[in-house]
Amino acid sequence: MVHPLVFTQRETGRKALNLSPRFAQSVLGLDKAESDALLTMLANHLWDSRPIFTNGRLDEMVLWDNWRMLHCVTPGPYEEVRIVERTTIAGDYGLGRKLEHSASA
């Protein structure tokens, strides 16, 4: 799947970075060296940002805007039980597209 690296939010007109550093493989239209350099620079900027941690208490709810916050889980003990409920608000989240595979690729 291919997703835009930058897109404009319809409601606000603001540009948003759409990058998952652990899963991004390349930037279409750039050669490998340029793509790797750009993704590394952007990922380093994200990793250098100050994180916010939560303890996940039973009475706690955490909400975030997927357009504005990079989020991940901190690994815990294997035997630890986590119950997570996800809610997704309808919208244009599905911005990705599938590239056509060519015989020469």
N, C-alpha and C. Protein backbone atom coordinates (compact mmCIF):
# COMPACT_ATOMS: atom_id res chain seq x y z
N MET A 1 0.84 -1.18 0.00
CA MET A 1 0.00 0.00 0.00
C MET A 1 0.88 1.24 0.00
N VAL A 2 0.40 2.27 -0.63
CA VAL A 2 1.08 3.55 -0.68
C VAL A 2 0.19 4.58 -0.01
N HIS A 3 0.79 5.35 0.88
CA HIS A 3 0.05 6.39 1.59
C HIS A 3 0.77 7.71 1.38
N PRO A 4 0.04 8.81 1.32
CA PRO A 4 0.71 10.11 1.16
C PRO A 4 1.56 10.43 2.39
N LEU A 5 2.76 10.95 2.17
CA LEU A 5 3.63 11.32 3.28
C LEU A 5 3.14 12.62 3.94
N VAL A 6 2.58 13.49 3.15
CA VAL A 6 1.99 14.74 3.64
C VAL A 6 0.63 14.88 2.98
N PHE A 7 -0.35 15.27 3.75
CA PHE A 7 -1.67 15.54 3.18
C PHE A 7 -2.26 16.76 3.87
N THR A 8 -3.28 17.32 3.25
CA THR A 8 -3.95 18.49 3.80
C THR A 8 -5.27 18.06 4.41
N GLN A 9 -5.48 18.41 5.67
CA GLN A 9 -6.74 18.10 6.33
C GLN A 9 -7.84 18.95 5.71
N ARG A 10 -8.89 18.28 5.26
CA ARG A 10 -9.99 18.96 4.60
C ARG A 10 -10.64 20.01 5.51
N GLU A 11 -10.83 19.66 6.78
CA GLU A 11 -11.56 20.53 7.70
C GLU A 11 -10.77 21.78 8.10
N THR A 12 -9.44 21.67 8.20
CA THR A 12 -8.64 22.78 8.71
C THR A 12 -7.74 23.43 7.67
N GLY A 13 -7.46 22.73 6.59
CA GLY A 13 -6.52 23.23 5.60
C GLY A 13 -5.06 23.08 6.02
N ARG A 14 -4.84 22.49 7.21
CA ARG A 14 -3.47 22.30 7.72
C ARG A 14 -2.84 21.07 7.10
N LYS A 15 -1.54 21.15 6.87
CA LYS A 15 -0.81 19.99 6.36
C LYS A 15 -0.42 19.11 7.55
N ALA A 16 -0.44 17.80 7.32
CA ALA A 16 -0.09 16.84 8.37
C ALA A 16 0.90 15.82 7.81
N LEU A 17 1.89 15.47 8.62
CA LEU A 17 2.84 14.43 8.27
C LEU A 17 2.20 13.08 8.56
N ASN A 18 2.26 12.18 7.62
CA ASN A 18 1.64 10.86 7.74
C ASN A 18 2.74 9.81 7.62
N LEU A 19 3.47 9.59 8.71
CA LEU A 19 4.63 8.71 8.67
C LEU A 19 4.60 7.73 9.83
N SER A 20 4.76 6.47 9.52
CA SER A 20 4.95 5.43 10.53
C SER A 20 6.38 4.95 10.35
N PRO A 21 7.32 5.46 11.16
CA PRO A 21 8.74 5.18 10.92
C PRO A 21 9.11 3.71 10.86
N ARG A 22 8.43 2.87 11.58
CA ARG A 22 8.79 1.45 11.57
C ARG A 22 8.28 0.70 10.34
N PHE A 23 7.34 1.30 9.62
CA PHE A 23 6.75 0.60 8.48
C PHE A 23 7.02 1.26 7.14
N ALA A 24 7.40 2.52 7.12
CA ALA A 24 7.67 3.21 5.85
C ALA A 24 8.88 2.57 5.17
N GLN A 25 8.74 2.25 3.90
CA GLN A 25 9.84 1.61 3.18
C GLN A 25 10.57 2.57 2.24
N SER A 26 9.82 3.47 1.61
CA SER A 26 10.46 4.39 0.68
C SER A 26 9.49 5.51 0.33
N VAL A 27 10.03 6.54 -0.32
CA VAL A 27 9.22 7.65 -0.80
C VAL A 27 9.18 7.54 -2.32
N LEU A 28 7.99 7.38 -2.87
CA LEU A 28 7.86 7.28 -4.32
C LEU A 28 8.39 8.54 -4.99
N GLY A 29 9.11 8.35 -6.08
CA GLY A 29 9.63 9.49 -6.82
C GLY A 29 11.04 9.88 -6.43
N LEU A 30 11.56 9.33 -5.35
CA LEU A 30 12.94 9.59 -4.93
C LEU A 30 13.76 8.33 -5.12
N ASP A 31 15.06 8.52 -5.43
CA ASP A 31 15.91 7.33 -5.50
C ASP A 31 16.14 6.81 -4.08
N LYS A 32 16.70 5.62 -3.96
CA LYS A 32 16.82 4.97 -2.65
C LYS A 32 17.59 5.82 -1.64
N ALA A 33 18.70 6.40 -2.05
CA ALA A 33 19.52 7.19 -1.12
C ALA A 33 18.74 8.42 -0.63
N GLU A 34 18.08 9.14 -1.53
CA GLU A 34 17.30 10.32 -1.14
C GLU A 34 16.13 9.93 -0.24
N SER A 35 15.45 8.84 -0.61
CA SER A 35 14.31 8.35 0.17
C SER A 35 14.75 7.96 1.57
N ASP A 36 15.83 7.19 1.68
CA ASP A 36 16.33 6.75 2.98
C ASP A 36 16.73 7.94 3.85
N ALA A 37 17.38 8.93 3.23
CA ALA A 37 17.82 10.12 3.98
C ALA A 37 16.62 10.90 4.51
N LEU A 38 15.61 11.09 3.67
CA LEU A 38 14.42 11.84 4.09
C LEU A 38 13.68 11.10 5.20
N LEU A 39 13.45 9.80 5.02
CA LEU A 39 12.73 9.03 6.04
C LEU A 39 13.51 8.99 7.36
N THR A 40 14.83 8.89 7.29
CA THR A 40 15.66 8.88 8.50
C THR A 40 15.57 10.22 9.22
N MET A 41 15.65 11.32 8.47
CA MET A 41 15.56 12.65 9.08
C MET A 41 14.20 12.84 9.76
N LEU A 42 13.12 12.48 9.07
CA LEU A 42 11.78 12.64 9.65
C LEU A 42 11.59 11.73 10.86
N ALA A 43 12.03 10.48 10.77
CA ALA A 43 11.89 9.55 11.89
C ALA A 43 12.68 10.05 13.10
N ASN A 44 13.90 10.55 12.88
CA ASN A 44 14.70 11.07 13.99
C ASN A 44 14.01 12.25 14.66
N HIS A 45 13.39 13.10 13.87
CA HIS A 45 12.64 14.22 14.43
C HIS A 45 11.51 13.71 15.33
N LEU A 46 10.79 12.69 14.86
CA LEU A 46 9.70 12.13 15.66
C LEU A 46 10.22 11.46 16.92
N TRP A 47 11.28 10.67 16.80
CA TRP A 47 11.81 9.95 17.97
C TRP A 47 12.39 10.92 18.99
N ASP A 48 12.87 12.08 18.54
CA ASP A 48 13.45 13.07 19.46
C ASP A 48 12.38 13.89 20.18
N SER A 49 11.13 13.75 19.78
CA SER A 49 10.04 14.49 20.44
C SER A 49 9.81 13.91 21.84
N ARG A 50 9.34 14.76 22.74
CA ARG A 50 9.12 14.33 24.13
C ARG A 50 7.91 13.39 24.21
N PRO A 51 8.08 12.19 24.73
CA PRO A 51 6.96 11.24 24.83
C PRO A 51 6.06 11.54 26.04
N ILE A 52 4.86 11.06 25.94
CA ILE A 52 3.91 11.11 27.06
C ILE A 52 3.57 9.66 27.39
N PHE A 53 3.71 9.30 28.65
CA PHE A 53 3.42 7.93 29.09
C PHE A 53 2.18 7.90 29.96
N THR A 54 1.48 6.79 29.92
CA THR A 54 0.34 6.59 30.80
C THR A 54 0.48 5.23 31.47
N ASN A 55 -0.03 5.10 32.68
CA ASN A 55 0.06 3.84 33.41
C ASN A 55 -1.06 2.88 33.06
N GLY A 56 -2.08 3.35 32.37
CA GLY A 56 -3.18 2.48 31.97
C GLY A 56 -3.99 1.96 33.14
N ARG A 57 -4.37 2.84 34.06
CA ARG A 57 -5.19 2.42 35.20
C ARG A 57 -6.57 2.02 34.71
N LEU A 58 -7.28 1.23 35.51
CA LEU A 58 -8.62 0.77 35.15
C LEU A 58 -9.60 1.91 34.91
N ASP A 59 -9.43 3.03 35.60
CA ASP A 59 -10.36 4.15 35.46
C ASP A 59 -9.85 5.20 34.49
N GLU A 60 -8.90 4.86 33.65
CA GLU A 60 -8.27 5.83 32.78
C GLU A 60 -8.69 5.62 31.32
N MET A 61 -8.90 6.72 30.61
CA MET A 61 -9.19 6.68 29.19
C MET A 61 -8.20 7.61 28.50
N VAL A 62 -7.62 7.14 27.41
CA VAL A 62 -6.68 7.95 26.65
C VAL A 62 -7.25 8.15 25.26
N LEU A 63 -7.36 9.39 24.84
CA LEU A 63 -7.84 9.73 23.50
C LEU A 63 -6.76 10.51 22.78
N TRP A 64 -6.62 10.30 21.49
CA TRP A 64 -5.69 11.10 20.71
C TRP A 64 -6.22 11.26 19.31
N ASP A 65 -5.68 12.22 18.62
CA ASP A 65 -6.02 12.50 17.24
C ASP A 65 -4.96 11.83 16.37
N ASN A 66 -5.35 10.82 15.61
CA ASN A 66 -4.39 10.09 14.78
C ASN A 66 -3.68 10.99 13.78
N TRP A 67 -4.27 12.12 13.43
CA TRP A 67 -3.66 13.02 12.47
C TRP A 67 -2.54 13.82 13.10
N ARG A 68 -2.50 13.90 14.42
CA ARG A 68 -1.54 14.79 15.07
C ARG A 68 -0.60 14.10 16.05
N MET A 69 -0.74 12.83 16.30
CA MET A 69 0.06 12.20 17.34
C MET A 69 0.58 10.83 16.89
N LEU A 70 1.88 10.65 17.00
CA LEU A 70 2.49 9.35 16.80
C LEU A 70 2.28 8.57 18.09
N HIS A 71 1.80 7.35 18.00
CA HIS A 71 1.52 6.60 19.21
C HIS A 71 1.98 5.15 19.05
N CYS A 72 2.32 4.56 20.18
CA CYS A 72 2.73 3.16 20.20
C CYS A 72 2.56 2.63 21.62
N VAL A 73 2.68 1.36 21.77
CA VAL A 73 2.56 0.74 23.08
C VAL A 73 3.95 0.42 23.61
N THR A 74 4.14 0.56 24.90
CA THR A 74 5.38 0.15 25.54
C THR A 74 5.21 -1.32 25.92
N PRO A 75 6.12 -2.19 25.50
CA PRO A 75 5.98 -3.61 25.82
C PRO A 75 5.94 -3.85 27.33
N GLY A 76 5.17 -4.84 27.72
CA GLY A 76 5.07 -5.22 29.12
C GLY A 76 5.38 -6.69 29.27
N PRO A 77 5.24 -7.21 30.48
CA PRO A 77 5.49 -8.64 30.69
C PRO A 77 4.57 -9.50 29.82
N TYR A 78 5.09 -10.62 29.35
CA TYR A 78 4.35 -11.51 28.47
C TYR A 78 3.01 -11.92 29.08
N GLU A 79 2.99 -12.18 30.38
CA GLU A 79 1.78 -12.67 31.03
C GLU A 79 0.78 -11.55 31.35
N GLU A 80 1.17 -10.30 31.12
CA GLU A 80 0.29 -9.17 31.42
C GLU A 80 -0.92 -9.16 30.47
N VAL A 81 -2.08 -8.95 31.01
CA VAL A 81 -3.30 -8.88 30.21
C VAL A 81 -3.66 -7.41 30.00
N ARG A 82 -3.84 -7.04 28.75
CA ARG A 82 -4.27 -5.68 28.42
C ARG A 82 -5.58 -5.76 27.66
N ILE A 83 -6.50 -4.95 28.07
CA ILE A 83 -7.77 -4.86 27.36
C ILE A 83 -7.84 -3.48 26.74
N VAL A 84 -7.94 -3.44 25.42
CA VAL A 84 -7.96 -2.18 24.70
C VAL A 84 -9.20 -2.15 23.82
N GLU A 85 -9.93 -1.07 23.88
CA GLU A 85 -11.07 -0.89 22.99
C GLU A 85 -10.76 0.29 22.10
N ARG A 86 -10.94 0.10 20.80
CA ARG A 86 -10.63 1.14 19.83
C ARG A 86 -11.91 1.65 19.21
N THR A 87 -11.97 2.95 19.06
CA THR A 87 -13.08 3.59 18.37
C THR A 87 -12.50 4.42 17.25
N THR A 88 -13.01 4.27 16.06
CA THR A 88 -12.56 5.06 14.93
C THR A 88 -13.73 5.88 14.43
N ILE A 89 -13.51 7.17 14.31
CA ILE A 89 -14.54 8.07 13.82
C ILE A 89 -14.52 8.04 12.30
N ALA A 90 -15.69 7.96 11.68
CA ALA A 90 -15.77 7.92 10.22
C ALA A 90 -15.10 9.14 9.62
N GLY A 91 -14.44 8.96 8.50
CA GLY A 91 -13.79 10.07 7.83
C GLY A 91 -12.95 9.58 6.68
N ASP A 92 -11.94 10.36 6.32
CA ASP A 92 -11.11 10.03 5.16
C ASP A 92 -9.81 9.34 5.57
N TYR A 93 -9.85 8.50 6.60
CA TYR A 93 -8.65 7.84 7.08
C TYR A 93 -8.02 6.96 6.01
N GLY A 94 -8.84 6.36 5.16
CA GLY A 94 -8.32 5.45 4.13
C GLY A 94 -7.73 6.19 2.96
N LEU A 95 -6.61 6.88 3.15
CA LEU A 95 -6.00 7.66 2.08
C LEU A 95 -5.04 6.83 1.23
N GLY A 96 -4.78 5.60 1.62
CA GLY A 96 -3.82 4.78 0.90
C GLY A 96 -4.37 4.26 -0.42
N ARG A 97 -3.46 3.77 -1.25
CA ARG A 97 -3.86 3.15 -2.50
C ARG A 97 -2.91 2.00 -2.79
N LYS A 98 -3.38 1.03 -3.52
CA LYS A 98 -2.57 -0.12 -3.87
C LYS A 98 -1.88 0.16 -5.20
N LEU A 99 -0.58 -0.06 -5.26
CA LEU A 99 0.16 0.11 -6.51
C LEU A 99 -0.07 -1.10 -7.39
N GLU A 100 -0.18 -0.85 -8.67
CA GLU A 100 -0.28 -1.96 -9.62
C GLU A 100 1.09 -2.61 -9.76
N HIS A 101 1.12 -3.93 -9.71
CA HIS A 101 2.37 -4.68 -9.84
C HIS A 101 2.65 -4.88 -11.31
N SER A 102 3.86 -4.55 -11.75
CA SER A 102 4.20 -4.76 -13.15
C SER A 102 5.15 -5.95 -13.26
N ALA A 103 5.15 -6.58 -14.40
CA ALA A 103 5.99 -7.76 -14.64
C ALA A 103 7.47 -7.39 -14.57
N SER A 104 7.81 -6.14 -14.88
CA SER A 104 9.20 -5.72 -14.87
C SER A 104 9.70 -5.32 -13.50
N ALA A 105 8.80 -5.19 -12.53
CA ALA A 105 9.21 -4.74 -11.19
C ALA A 105 9.85 -5.85 -10.41
